[in-house]
Amino acid sequence: VQLVESGGGLVRARGPLKLSCAASGSIFRINDMGWYRQAPGKQRELVAQITSGGSTNYADSMKGRFTISRDNGKNTVDLQMISLKPKDTAAYYCNAFIKINRKYEFEYWGQGTQITVSS
């Protein structure tokens, strides 16, 4: 199973950016999916999560600016970001809990995609 992110890059403050993540491989079912980020010298932190049913959870600092969504048919999860701030600069990681069969579920991570927000 692989998670592959796309959409990172350099963006000006107050601008928008969209991240996408696609899961592929031997997938029986995808449960929770989410996005995390890690800035230099800091711990990885939750950005947003979404259940297979579409319920969402956001870190407080992202509420109102970031929107997570998923397409269960395509095994993808997106993160739409607006009003970006320099402090949003970080490596962003896709995360998913994936069942490879009826019995076993594993947590997977993408390789990360860098977002740099210039002031």
C-alpha atoms as a PDB file:
ATOM      1  CA  VAL A   1       0.000   0.000   0.000  1.00  0.00           C
ATOM      2  CA  GLN A   2       1.245   3.459  -0.883  1.00  0.00           C
ATOM      3  CA  LEU A   3       0.083   6.977  -0.161  1.00  0.00           C
ATOM      4  CA  VAL A   4       1.279   9.544  -2.660  1.00  0.00           C
ATOM      5  CA  GLU A   5       0.822  13.245  -2.019  1.00  0.00           C
ATOM      6  CA  SER A   6       0.795  16.019  -4.571  1.00  0.00           C
ATOM      7  CA  GLY A   7       0.180  19.736  -4.675  1.00  0.00           C
ATOM      8  CA  GLY A   8       2.805  21.221  -2.393  1.00  0.00           C
ATOM      9  CA  GLY A   9       5.039  24.143  -3.272  1.00  0.00           C
ATOM     10  CA  LEU A  10       5.692  27.805  -2.714  1.00  0.00           C
ATOM     11  CA  VAL A  11       2.736  30.112  -2.127  1.00  0.00           C
ATOM     12  CA  ARG A  12       2.345  33.699  -1.005  1.00  0.00           C
ATOM     13  CA  ALA A  13       0.729  34.560   2.281  1.00  0.00           C
ATOM     14  CA  ARG A  14      -3.059  34.777   2.135  1.00  0.00           C
ATOM     15  CA  GLY A  15      -3.043  32.530  -0.921  1.00  0.00           C
ATOM     16  CA  PRO A  16      -4.767  29.197  -1.473  1.00  0.00           C
ATOM     17  CA  LEU A  17      -3.292  25.786  -2.076  1.00  0.00           C
ATOM     18  CA  LYS A  18      -4.694  22.299  -2.439  1.00  0.00           C
ATOM     19  CA  LEU A  19      -3.053  19.050  -1.467  1.00  0.00           C
ATOM     20  CA  SER A  20      -4.135  15.666  -2.732  1.00  0.00           C
ATOM     21  CA  CYS A  21      -3.267  12.178  -1.618  1.00  0.00           C
ATOM     22  CA  ALA A  22      -4.001   8.940  -3.412  1.00  0.00           C
ATOM     23  CA  ALA A  23      -3.874   5.508  -1.823  1.00  0.00           C
ATOM     24  CA  SER A  24      -3.038   2.507  -3.949  1.00  0.00           C
ATOM     25  CA  GLY A  25      -2.174  -1.131  -3.537  1.00  0.00           C
ATOM     26  CA  SER A  26      -3.868  -4.025  -1.819  1.00  0.00           C
ATOM     27  CA  ILE A  27      -6.715  -2.156  -0.148  1.00  0.00           C
ATOM     28  CA  PHE A  28      -9.752  -3.799   1.346  1.00  0.00           C
ATOM     29  CA  ARG A  29     -11.106  -0.726   3.076  1.00  0.00           C
ATOM     30  CA  ILE A  30      -9.830   2.711   4.103  1.00  0.00           C
ATOM     31  CA  ASN A  31     -10.993   3.968   7.460  1.00  0.00           C
ATOM     32  CA  ASP A  32      -9.798   7.317   8.817  1.00  0.00           C
ATOM     33  CA  MET A  33      -7.691   9.504   6.571  1.00  0.00           C
ATOM     34  CA  GLY A  34      -5.941  12.689   7.502  1.00  0.00           C
ATOM     35  CA  TRP A  35      -3.230  15.241   7.090  1.00  0.00           C
ATOM     36  CA  TYR A  36      -0.425  16.052   9.473  1.00  0.00           C
ATOM     37  CA  ARG A  37       2.370  18.564   9.244  1.00  0.00           C
ATOM     38  CA  GLN A  38       5.830  19.006  10.659  1.00  0.00           C
ATOM     39  CA  ALA A  39       7.758  22.242  10.725  1.00  0.00           C
ATOM     40  CA  PRO A  40      11.536  22.274  11.222  1.00  0.00           C
ATOM     41  CA  GLY A  41      12.416  21.678  14.847  1.00  0.00           C
ATOM     42  CA  LYS A  42       8.851  20.881  15.815  1.00  0.00           C
ATOM     43  CA  GLN A  43       6.822  17.757  16.385  1.00  0.00           C
ATOM     44  CA  ARG A  44       4.446  16.414  13.797  1.00  0.00           C
ATOM     45  CA  GLU A  45       0.965  17.725  14.459  1.00  0.00           C
ATOM     46  CA  LEU A  46      -2.527  16.938  13.280  1.00  0.00           C
ATOM     47  CA  VAL A  47      -3.999  19.204  10.634  1.00  0.00           C
ATOM     48  CA  ALA A  48      -7.297  17.474   9.863  1.00  0.00           C
ATOM     49  CA  GLN A  49      -8.936  14.052   9.867  1.00  0.00           C
ATOM     50  CA  ILE A  50     -11.914  12.577   8.059  1.00  0.00           C
ATOM     51  CA  THR A  51     -13.710   9.310   8.669  1.00  0.00           C
ATOM     52  CA  SER A  52     -14.981   7.015   5.943  1.00  0.00           C
ATOM     53  CA  GLY A  53     -18.428   8.436   6.653  1.00  0.00           C
ATOM     54  CA  GLY A  54     -17.260  12.006   6.134  1.00  0.00           C
ATOM     55  CA  SER A  55     -17.033  13.263   9.717  1.00  0.00           C
ATOM     56  CA  THR A  56     -14.196  15.733  10.092  1.00  0.00           C
ATOM     57  CA  ASN A  57     -11.908  16.986  12.820  1.00  0.00           C
ATOM     58  CA  TYR A  58      -9.570  19.972  12.579  1.00  0.00           C
ATOM     59  CA  ALA A  59      -6.797  21.400  14.657  1.00  0.00           C
ATOM     60  CA  ASP A  60      -7.973  24.676  16.149  1.00  0.00           C
ATOM     61  CA  SER A  61      -5.547  26.837  14.187  1.00  0.00           C
ATOM     62  CA  MET A  62      -6.790  25.373  10.889  1.00  0.00           C
ATOM     63  CA  LYS A  63     -10.518  25.702  11.471  1.00  0.00           C
ATOM     64  CA  GLY A  64     -12.138  27.978   8.933  1.00  0.00           C
ATOM     65  CA  ARG A  65      -9.076  28.003   6.687  1.00  0.00           C
ATOM     66  CA  PHE A  66      -8.561  24.347   5.806  1.00  0.00           C
ATOM     67  CA  THR A  67     -11.102  21.884   4.436  1.00  0.00           C
ATOM     68  CA  ILE A  68     -10.536  18.161   4.239  1.00  0.00           C
ATOM     69  CA  SER A  69     -12.513  15.950   1.881  1.00  0.00           C
ATOM     70  CA  ARG A  70     -12.270  12.459   0.453  1.00  0.00           C
ATOM     71  CA  ASP A  71     -13.480  10.372  -2.416  1.00  0.00           C
ATOM     72  CA  ASN A  72     -14.031   6.833  -1.215  1.00  0.00           C
ATOM     73  CA  GLY A  73     -14.424   5.533  -4.739  1.00  0.00           C
ATOM     74  CA  LYS A  74     -11.034   6.877  -5.775  1.00  0.00           C
ATOM     75  CA  ASN A  75      -9.260   6.304  -2.443  1.00  0.00           C
ATOM     76  CA  THR A  76      -8.194   9.916  -2.275  1.00  0.00           C
ATOM     77  CA  VAL A  77      -8.143  12.626   0.344  1.00  0.00           C
ATOM     78  CA  ASP A  78      -7.713  16.329  -0.337  1.00  0.00           C
ATOM     79  CA  LEU A  79      -6.845  19.318   1.786  1.00  0.00           C
ATOM     80  CA  GLN A  80      -8.016  22.668   0.504  1.00  0.00           C
ATOM     81  CA  MET A  81      -6.231  25.535   2.223  1.00  0.00           C
ATOM     82  CA  ILE A  82      -6.977  29.249   2.085  1.00  0.00           C
ATOM     83  CA  SER A  83      -5.572  32.312   3.832  1.00  0.00           C
ATOM     84  CA  LEU A  84      -2.222  30.632   4.250  1.00  0.00           C
ATOM     85  CA  LYS A  85       0.228  32.122   6.709  1.00  0.00           C
ATOM     86  CA  PRO A  86       4.008  31.865   6.936  1.00  0.00           C
ATOM     87  CA  LYS A  87       3.571  29.761  10.068  1.00  0.00           C
ATOM     88  CA  ASP A  88       1.803  27.161   7.906  1.00  0.00           C
ATOM     89  CA  THR A  89       5.174  26.420   6.314  1.00  0.00           C
ATOM     90  CA  ALA A  90       5.900  22.754   6.929  1.00  0.00           C
ATOM     91  CA  ALA A  91       6.118  19.336   5.392  1.00  0.00           C
ATOM     92  CA  TYR A  92       2.595  17.958   5.060  1.00  0.00           C
ATOM     93  CA  TYR A  93       1.961  14.242   5.364  1.00  0.00           C
ATOM     94  CA  CYS A  94      -1.003  12.172   4.297  1.00  0.00           C
ATOM     95  CA  ASN A  95      -2.108   9.532   6.781  1.00  0.00           C
ATOM     96  CA  ALA A  96      -4.553   6.665   6.494  1.00  0.00           C
ATOM     97  CA  PHE A  97      -5.725   3.627   8.412  1.00  0.00           C
ATOM     98  CA  ILE A  98      -6.157   0.927   5.821  1.00  0.00           C
ATOM     99  CA  LYS A  99      -7.487  -2.562   6.114  1.00  0.00           C
ATOM    100  CA  ILE A 100      -5.685  -4.893   3.742  1.00  0.00           C
ATOM    101  CA  ASN A 101      -8.220  -7.643   4.428  1.00  0.00           C
ATOM    102  CA  ARG A 102     -11.136  -8.207   6.799  1.00  0.00           C
ATOM    103  CA  LYS A 103      -8.827  -8.767   9.738  1.00  0.00           C
ATOM    104  CA  TYR A 104      -5.793  -6.530   9.518  1.00  0.00           C
ATOM    105  CA  GLU A 105      -5.596  -2.743   9.611  1.00  0.00           C
ATOM    106  CA  PHE A 106      -2.375  -0.761   9.384  1.00  0.00           C
ATOM    107  CA  GLU A 107      -1.467   2.895   9.576  1.00  0.00           C
ATOM    108  CA  TYR A 108       0.244   4.316   6.513  1.00  0.00           C
ATOM    109  CA  TRP A 109       2.038   7.576   5.806  1.00  0.00           C
ATOM    110  CA  GLY A 110       2.865   9.399   2.636  1.00  0.00           C
ATOM    111  CA  GLN A 111       6.353  10.627   1.892  1.00  0.00           C
ATOM    112  CA  GLY A 112       5.445  14.227   2.641  1.00  0.00           C
ATOM    113  CA  THR A 113       5.113  17.314   0.513  1.00  0.00           C
ATOM    114  CA  GLN A 114       6.639  20.674   1.386  1.00  0.00           C
ATOM    115  CA  ILE A 115       4.597  23.843   1.618  1.00  0.00           C
ATOM    116  CA  THR A 116       6.422  27.122   1.961  1.00  0.00           C
ATOM    117  CA  VAL A 117       4.402  30.259   2.574  1.00  0.00           C
ATOM    118  CA  SER A 118       6.222  33.492   1.851  1.00  0.00           C
ATOM    119  CA  SER A 119       5.303  36.750   3.567  1.00  0.00           C
END
